Protein backbone atom coordinates (compact mmCIF):
# COMPACT_ATOMS: atom_id res chain seq x y z
CA MET A 1 120.70 153.89 53.94
CA VAL A 2 120.21 150.55 51.67
CA ARG A 3 122.30 147.65 51.83
CA TYR A 4 122.16 144.57 49.54
CA PHE A 5 123.01 141.07 50.15
CA THR A 6 122.91 137.62 48.15
CA GLU A 7 122.23 133.96 50.14
CA ASP A 8 122.83 131.25 48.42
CA ILE A 9 122.38 133.00 45.08
CA LYS A 10 125.22 134.62 42.31
CA PHE A 11 123.07 137.47 41.49
CA ASN A 12 125.15 140.88 40.43
CA TYR A 13 122.49 143.70 41.23
CA LYS A 14 123.30 146.52 39.07
CA GLU A 15 121.44 149.35 40.05
CA ARG A 16 122.29 149.46 43.69
CA ARG A 17 122.81 153.62 43.78
CA ARG A 18 119.72 154.58 41.45
CA THR A 19 117.66 152.11 43.43
CA SER A 20 118.75 153.75 46.85
CA LYS A 21 117.91 156.75 45.53
CA TRP A 22 114.80 155.43 44.01
CA LEU A 23 114.03 154.23 47.45
CA LYS A 24 115.05 157.63 49.36
CA LEU A 25 112.07 159.21 46.96
CA VAL A 26 109.55 156.96 47.48
CA ALA A 27 109.93 157.17 51.30
CA GLU A 28 109.61 160.78 51.04
CA SER A 29 107.26 161.09 49.15
CA GLU A 30 105.18 158.99 51.57
CA ILE A 31 106.51 161.77 54.48
CA ARG A 32 109.01 159.16 55.90
CA ARG A 33 112.72 159.10 56.03
CA LEU A 34 115.04 156.00 54.77
CA GLY A 35 116.81 154.42 57.94
CA ASP A 36 118.42 151.09 57.25
CA ILE A 37 117.08 148.57 54.70
CA SER A 38 118.89 145.36 53.49
CA VAL A 39 117.84 143.82 50.69
CA ILE A 40 118.68 140.26 50.10
CA PHE A 41 118.62 138.28 47.20
CA CYS A 42 118.16 134.91 47.61
CA SER A 43 116.54 131.52 46.02
CA ASP A 44 112.90 130.01 46.47
CA PRO A 45 114.63 127.40 48.84
CA TYR A 46 115.79 130.14 50.98
CA ILE A 47 113.00 132.00 51.18
CA LEU A 48 111.09 129.20 51.82
CA ASP A 49 112.70 128.53 54.69
CA VAL A 50 112.56 131.68 56.22
CA ASN A 51 108.97 131.64 55.96
CA LEU A 52 108.32 128.96 57.99
CA LYS A 53 110.93 129.41 60.38
CA TYR A 54 110.09 132.80 61.24
CA LEU A 55 106.41 133.22 60.16
CA GLN A 56 105.23 129.58 60.08
CA HIS A 57 104.16 129.98 56.64
CA ASP A 58 105.12 126.69 54.35
CA TYR A 59 104.93 128.03 51.04
CA PHE A 60 107.14 129.91 48.27
CA THR A 61 106.82 133.55 47.73
CA ASP A 62 108.51 136.37 46.21
CA ILE A 63 109.46 138.67 49.58
CA ILE A 64 109.00 138.30 53.17
CA THR A 65 108.98 141.75 54.40
CA PHE A 66 110.57 142.06 58.36
CA ASP A 67 109.80 145.55 59.66
CA TYR A 68 112.10 147.51 62.18
CA CYS A 69 110.80 150.97 61.56
CA GLU A 70 110.73 153.40 64.43
CA GLY A 71 108.37 156.67 64.07
CA ASP A 72 108.46 158.00 60.65
CA THR A 73 111.90 156.13 59.82
CA ILE A 74 111.15 153.02 57.45
CA SER A 75 114.23 150.18 58.33
CA GLY A 76 113.75 146.49 57.38
CA ASP A 77 115.23 143.40 55.52
CA LEU A 78 113.73 142.74 52.24
CA PHE A 79 114.07 138.78 51.50
CA ILE A 80 113.86 138.86 47.39
CA SER A 81 113.17 135.47 45.80
CA ILE A 82 114.92 135.73 42.59
CA ASP A 83 113.52 132.41 41.42
CA SER A 84 109.86 133.49 42.22
CA VAL A 85 110.35 137.40 40.23
CA ARG A 86 111.79 135.52 36.91
CA GLU A 87 108.58 133.13 37.36
CA ASN A 88 106.50 136.06 38.11
CA ALA A 89 108.03 138.03 35.10
CA ALA A 90 107.39 135.07 32.80
CA PHE A 91 103.78 134.96 33.66
CA TYR A 92 102.87 138.23 34.00
CA LYS A 93 104.57 138.55 30.15
CA THR A 94 106.89 141.83 31.77
CA GLU A 95 111.09 142.19 32.04
CA PHE A 96 112.56 140.48 35.11
CA GLU A 97 113.87 144.33 36.03
CA GLU A 98 110.44 145.47 35.76
CA GLU A 99 108.80 143.10 37.95
CA LEU A 100 112.41 143.35 40.50
CA ASN A 101 111.71 146.46 41.00
CA ARG A 102 107.74 145.77 41.40
CA VAL A 103 108.70 143.26 44.89
CA ILE A 104 111.22 145.87 46.17
CA VAL A 105 108.84 148.98 46.03
CA HIS A 106 106.00 146.34 47.41
CA GLY A 107 108.60 145.41 50.53
CA VAL A 108 109.60 149.00 51.10
CA LEU A 109 105.53 150.25 50.65
CA HIS A 110 104.65 147.22 53.70
CA LEU A 111 107.53 148.92 55.55
CA ILE A 112 105.54 152.35 55.20
CA GLY A 113 102.71 150.68 56.46
CA TYR A 114 101.09 149.67 53.25
CA ASP A 115 98.74 145.76 53.30
CA ASP A 116 97.38 143.95 51.01
CA HIS A 117 95.28 141.58 53.18
CA SER A 118 91.69 142.34 51.04
CA GLU A 119 90.76 143.56 48.02
CA ALA A 120 90.79 146.93 48.40
CA ASP A 121 94.21 146.95 49.77
CA LYS A 122 95.67 145.60 47.20
CA LYS A 123 94.23 147.43 44.48
CA GLU A 124 95.70 150.33 46.82
CA MET A 125 99.05 148.57 46.82
CA ARG A 126 99.35 147.99 43.04
CA SER A 127 98.42 151.68 42.35
CA LYS A 128 101.10 152.79 44.53
CA GLU A 129 103.26 150.47 43.34
CA ASN A 130 102.73 151.65 39.44
CA TYR A 131 103.12 155.17 40.64
CA TYR A 132 106.51 155.11 41.86
CA LEU A 133 107.92 152.48 39.45
CA SER A 134 106.83 155.43 37.21
CA LEU A 135 108.97 158.00 39.06
CA ARG A 136 111.71 155.31 39.09
CA GLU A 137 112.93 156.99 35.83
CA LEU A 138 113.06 160.24 37.14
CA VAL A 139 116.15 159.35 39.25
């Protein structure tokens, strides 16, 4: 089950049902089951605080993923900075909704086991993001 929350911002996410169906499709396509995923929309200052407190990283980011997966069931918390998503959408000249969907699926791909530390990993991650973004139109 996917649940959606906000922390320290006002943000009305209207795509909950569709996104939940889409993430179930992503999980099943990767031979995984969708467990409990919390998507927490927040601000840059909030995500910076999470980054410092739990990861000892002193920088802003668009998403922080906490993995609680067990076996083939994916579960975790996705902290998503709406501020950073807006900035990235402007920088990459894309729609906010597309960038938000990319960040959400990026977090789920981390839960599935994909990484983005090396250039090869980044290329594979981007390819998976693009593929699953194209499948979003099916739900």
